Amino acid sequence: MSRPGKQRSIERRVRRVATRLNLHLMIVDKPDALVRAHGGYMLREPGTMRIIFGNKDYPYCADIDEVEAFLEVYKETSS
């Protein structure tokens, strides 16, 4: 399987987990050089529109692996 196809499948899996936790996975539409180098994802609470992960240093600063790890911890603490 090629890397782009694998990336999309990871995004789908992470999106499903985020949705179950009532979060929204946001993916950058037009990445700048900084986002292309590392990142491209944020998590948002749909009700409040508050960004809860992925905007520490700059918008969309999290990569998909960081989002996945955050969701695992979030899932355990929200139970």
N, C-alpha and C. Protein backbone atom coordinates (compact mmCIF):
# COMPACT_ATOMS: atom_id res chain seq x y z
N MET A 1 0.84 -1.17 0.00
CA MET A 1 0.00 0.00 0.00
C MET A 1 0.89 1.24 0.00
N SER A 2 0.54 2.23 -0.79
CA SER A 2 1.33 3.46 -0.85
C SER A 2 1.08 4.32 0.38
N ARG A 3 2.00 5.19 0.67
CA ARG A 3 1.90 6.06 1.84
C ARG A 3 0.66 6.96 1.81
N PRO A 4 0.32 7.60 0.67
CA PRO A 4 -0.89 8.44 0.66
C PRO A 4 -2.15 7.65 1.00
N GLY A 5 -2.27 6.45 0.49
CA GLY A 5 -3.43 5.62 0.82
C GLY A 5 -3.45 5.24 2.28
N LYS A 6 -2.29 4.95 2.82
CA LYS A 6 -2.19 4.61 4.23
C LYS A 6 -2.54 5.82 5.08
N GLN A 7 -2.10 6.99 4.69
CA GLN A 7 -2.40 8.22 5.42
C GLN A 7 -3.91 8.46 5.49
N ARG A 8 -4.60 8.26 4.39
CA ARG A 8 -6.05 8.46 4.36
C ARG A 8 -6.76 7.47 5.26
N SER A 9 -6.29 6.23 5.30
CA SER A 9 -6.94 5.24 6.16
C SER A 9 -6.71 5.57 7.63
N ILE A 10 -5.52 6.08 7.95
CA ILE A 10 -5.26 6.51 9.33
C ILE A 10 -6.16 7.69 9.68
N GLU A 11 -6.32 8.64 8.76
CA GLU A 11 -7.19 9.78 8.99
C GLU A 11 -8.63 9.32 9.25
N ARG A 12 -9.12 8.37 8.47
CA ARG A 12 -10.48 7.86 8.66
C ARG A 12 -10.64 7.23 10.03
N ARG A 13 -9.66 6.44 10.44
CA ARG A 13 -9.73 5.78 11.75
C ARG A 13 -9.72 6.83 12.87
N VAL A 14 -8.82 7.79 12.78
CA VAL A 14 -8.73 8.83 13.80
C VAL A 14 -10.02 9.66 13.82
N ARG A 15 -10.57 9.95 12.67
CA ARG A 15 -11.83 10.71 12.60
C ARG A 15 -12.97 9.95 13.29
N ARG A 16 -13.03 8.63 13.08
CA ARG A 16 -14.08 7.83 13.74
C ARG A 16 -13.93 7.87 15.26
N VAL A 17 -12.70 7.73 15.74
CA VAL A 17 -12.46 7.79 17.19
C VAL A 17 -12.84 9.17 17.72
N ALA A 18 -12.43 10.22 17.04
CA ALA A 18 -12.75 11.58 17.47
C ALA A 18 -14.26 11.81 17.50
N THR A 19 -14.96 11.32 16.50
CA THR A 19 -16.41 11.49 16.45
C THR A 19 -17.09 10.79 17.62
N ARG A 20 -16.63 9.60 17.96
CA ARG A 20 -17.19 8.88 19.12
C ARG A 20 -16.97 9.66 20.41
N LEU A 21 -15.91 10.44 20.48
CA LEU A 21 -15.60 11.25 21.66
C LEU A 21 -16.18 12.65 21.56
N ASN A 22 -17.03 12.88 20.59
CA ASN A 22 -17.67 14.16 20.33
C ASN A 22 -16.64 15.26 20.04
N LEU A 23 -15.69 14.93 19.19
CA LEU A 23 -14.69 15.89 18.74
C LEU A 23 -14.67 15.88 17.21
N HIS A 24 -14.12 16.93 16.65
CA HIS A 24 -14.06 17.06 15.20
C HIS A 24 -12.60 17.15 14.77
N LEU A 25 -12.17 16.25 13.88
CA LEU A 25 -10.83 16.29 13.33
C LEU A 25 -10.80 17.30 12.19
N MET A 26 -9.95 18.30 12.32
CA MET A 26 -9.81 19.32 11.28
C MET A 26 -8.49 19.09 10.55
N ILE A 27 -8.56 19.15 9.22
CA ILE A 27 -7.39 18.95 8.38
C ILE A 27 -7.17 20.23 7.58
N VAL A 28 -5.93 20.70 7.55
CA VAL A 28 -5.63 21.96 6.86
C VAL A 28 -5.92 21.82 5.36
N ASP A 29 -6.54 22.85 4.79
CA ASP A 29 -6.85 22.85 3.35
C ASP A 29 -5.68 23.32 2.51
N LYS A 30 -5.08 24.42 2.93
CA LYS A 30 -3.97 25.01 2.17
C LYS A 30 -2.76 25.14 3.08
N PRO A 31 -1.94 24.10 3.17
CA PRO A 31 -0.81 24.15 4.09
C PRO A 31 0.28 25.10 3.62
N ASP A 32 0.83 25.83 4.59
CA ASP A 32 2.00 26.65 4.29
C ASP A 32 3.25 25.79 4.52
N ALA A 33 4.41 26.36 4.38
CA ALA A 33 5.66 25.59 4.50
C ALA A 33 5.82 24.99 5.90
N LEU A 34 5.43 25.72 6.92
CA LEU A 34 5.55 25.24 8.28
C LEU A 34 4.66 24.02 8.52
N VAL A 35 3.43 24.10 8.07
CA VAL A 35 2.49 22.99 8.24
C VAL A 35 2.93 21.79 7.40
N ARG A 36 3.41 22.01 6.20
CA ARG A 36 3.87 20.90 5.36
C ARG A 36 5.04 20.16 6.00
N ALA A 37 5.90 20.89 6.70
CA ALA A 37 7.06 20.27 7.33
C ALA A 37 6.65 19.37 8.49
N HIS A 38 5.61 19.76 9.21
CA HIS A 38 5.17 18.98 10.36
C HIS A 38 3.78 19.45 10.74
N GLY A 39 2.84 18.56 10.73
CA GLY A 39 1.52 18.92 11.20
C GLY A 39 0.45 18.81 10.14
N GLY A 40 -0.61 19.57 10.35
CA GLY A 40 -1.72 19.58 9.42
C GLY A 40 -3.06 19.22 10.05
N TYR A 41 -3.09 19.01 11.40
CA TYR A 41 -4.32 18.55 12.04
C TYR A 41 -4.58 19.32 13.33
N MET A 42 -5.88 19.47 13.65
CA MET A 42 -6.32 20.02 14.93
C MET A 42 -7.57 19.27 15.35
N LEU A 43 -7.87 19.31 16.63
CA LEU A 43 -9.12 18.75 17.16
C LEU A 43 -9.94 19.88 17.75
N ARG A 44 -11.26 19.85 17.49
CA ARG A 44 -12.15 20.90 17.94
C ARG A 44 -13.39 20.29 18.59
N GLU A 45 -13.91 20.96 19.62
CA GLU A 45 -15.19 20.58 20.20
C GLU A 45 -16.28 21.22 19.35
N PRO A 46 -17.17 20.43 18.76
CA PRO A 46 -18.17 21.00 17.85
C PRO A 46 -19.13 21.98 18.51
N GLY A 47 -19.53 21.72 19.75
CA GLY A 47 -20.51 22.58 20.40
C GLY A 47 -19.99 23.97 20.68
N THR A 48 -18.76 24.06 21.17
CA THR A 48 -18.18 25.35 21.55
C THR A 48 -17.25 25.92 20.49
N MET A 49 -16.85 25.10 19.52
CA MET A 49 -15.91 25.47 18.47
C MET A 49 -14.52 25.78 19.05
N ARG A 50 -14.25 25.29 20.25
CA ARG A 50 -12.97 25.51 20.91
C ARG A 50 -11.96 24.48 20.42
N ILE A 51 -10.78 24.93 20.04
CA ILE A 51 -9.70 24.05 19.62
C ILE A 51 -9.09 23.45 20.89
N ILE A 52 -9.04 22.12 20.96
CA ILE A 52 -8.51 21.49 22.17
C ILE A 52 -7.14 20.86 21.94
N PHE A 53 -6.73 20.71 20.69
CA PHE A 53 -5.42 20.14 20.41
C PHE A 53 -4.99 20.52 19.00
N GLY A 54 -3.71 20.87 18.86
CA GLY A 54 -3.16 21.11 17.54
C GLY A 54 -2.94 22.57 17.18
N ASN A 55 -2.98 23.46 18.16
CA ASN A 55 -2.74 24.87 17.85
C ASN A 55 -1.79 25.51 18.85
N LYS A 56 -0.90 24.73 19.43
CA LYS A 56 0.00 25.25 20.46
C LYS A 56 0.98 26.28 19.90
N ASP A 57 1.77 25.89 18.92
CA ASP A 57 2.77 26.81 18.35
C ASP A 57 2.23 27.58 17.16
N TYR A 58 1.40 26.95 16.38
CA TYR A 58 0.78 27.55 15.20
C TYR A 58 -0.43 26.69 14.84
N PRO A 59 -1.40 27.23 14.11
CA PRO A 59 -2.57 26.42 13.76
C PRO A 59 -2.17 25.17 12.96
N TYR A 60 -2.85 24.09 13.24
CA TYR A 60 -2.63 22.81 12.57
C TYR A 60 -1.21 22.28 12.79
N CYS A 61 -0.69 22.43 14.01
CA CYS A 61 0.68 22.02 14.29
C CYS A 61 0.82 20.53 14.61
N ALA A 62 -0.28 19.81 14.82
CA ALA A 62 -0.19 18.40 15.19
C ALA A 62 -0.14 17.51 13.96
N ASP A 63 0.65 16.44 14.04
CA ASP A 63 0.59 15.44 12.97
C ASP A 63 -0.41 14.36 13.39
N ILE A 64 -0.73 13.47 12.49
CA ILE A 64 -1.80 12.49 12.73
C ILE A 64 -1.45 11.54 13.87
N ASP A 65 -0.17 11.21 14.03
CA ASP A 65 0.23 10.32 15.12
C ASP A 65 0.05 11.00 16.47
N GLU A 66 0.33 12.30 16.55
CA GLU A 66 0.12 13.04 17.79
C GLU A 66 -1.36 13.14 18.13
N VAL A 67 -2.20 13.34 17.12
CA VAL A 67 -3.64 13.40 17.34
C VAL A 67 -4.14 12.05 17.85
N GLU A 68 -3.67 10.98 17.25
CA GLU A 68 -4.08 9.65 17.68
C GLU A 68 -3.68 9.38 19.13
N ALA A 69 -2.47 9.76 19.50
CA ALA A 69 -2.00 9.58 20.88
C ALA A 69 -2.83 10.44 21.85
N PHE A 70 -3.14 11.66 21.46
CA PHE A 70 -3.96 12.54 22.29
C PHE A 70 -5.33 11.93 22.52
N LEU A 71 -5.93 11.37 21.47
CA LEU A 71 -7.25 10.78 21.59
C LEU A 71 -7.25 9.58 22.53
N GLU A 72 -6.19 8.80 22.53
CA GLU A 72 -6.10 7.66 23.45
C GLU A 72 -6.12 8.14 24.90
N VAL A 73 -5.35 9.18 25.20
CA VAL A 73 -5.33 9.73 26.56
C VAL A 73 -6.66 10.37 26.88
N TYR A 74 -7.22 11.11 25.95
CA TYR A 74 -8.51 11.79 26.14
C TYR A 74 -9.61 10.78 26.41
N LYS A 75 -9.58 9.67 25.69
CA LYS A 75 -10.59 8.61 25.86
C LYS A 75 -10.52 8.05 27.28
N GLU A 76 -9.31 7.81 27.78
CA GLU A 76 -9.12 7.24 29.11
C GLU A 76 -9.54 8.22 30.21
N THR A 77 -9.26 9.50 30.02
CA THR A 77 -9.60 10.48 31.05
C THR A 77 -11.06 10.90 31.03
N SER A 78 -11.73 10.75 29.89
CA SER A 78 -13.13 11.16 29.81
C SER A 78 -14.08 10.03 30.20
N SER A 79 -13.57 8.85 30.45
CA SER A 79 -14.44 7.72 30.84
C SER A 79 -14.84 7.80 32.28
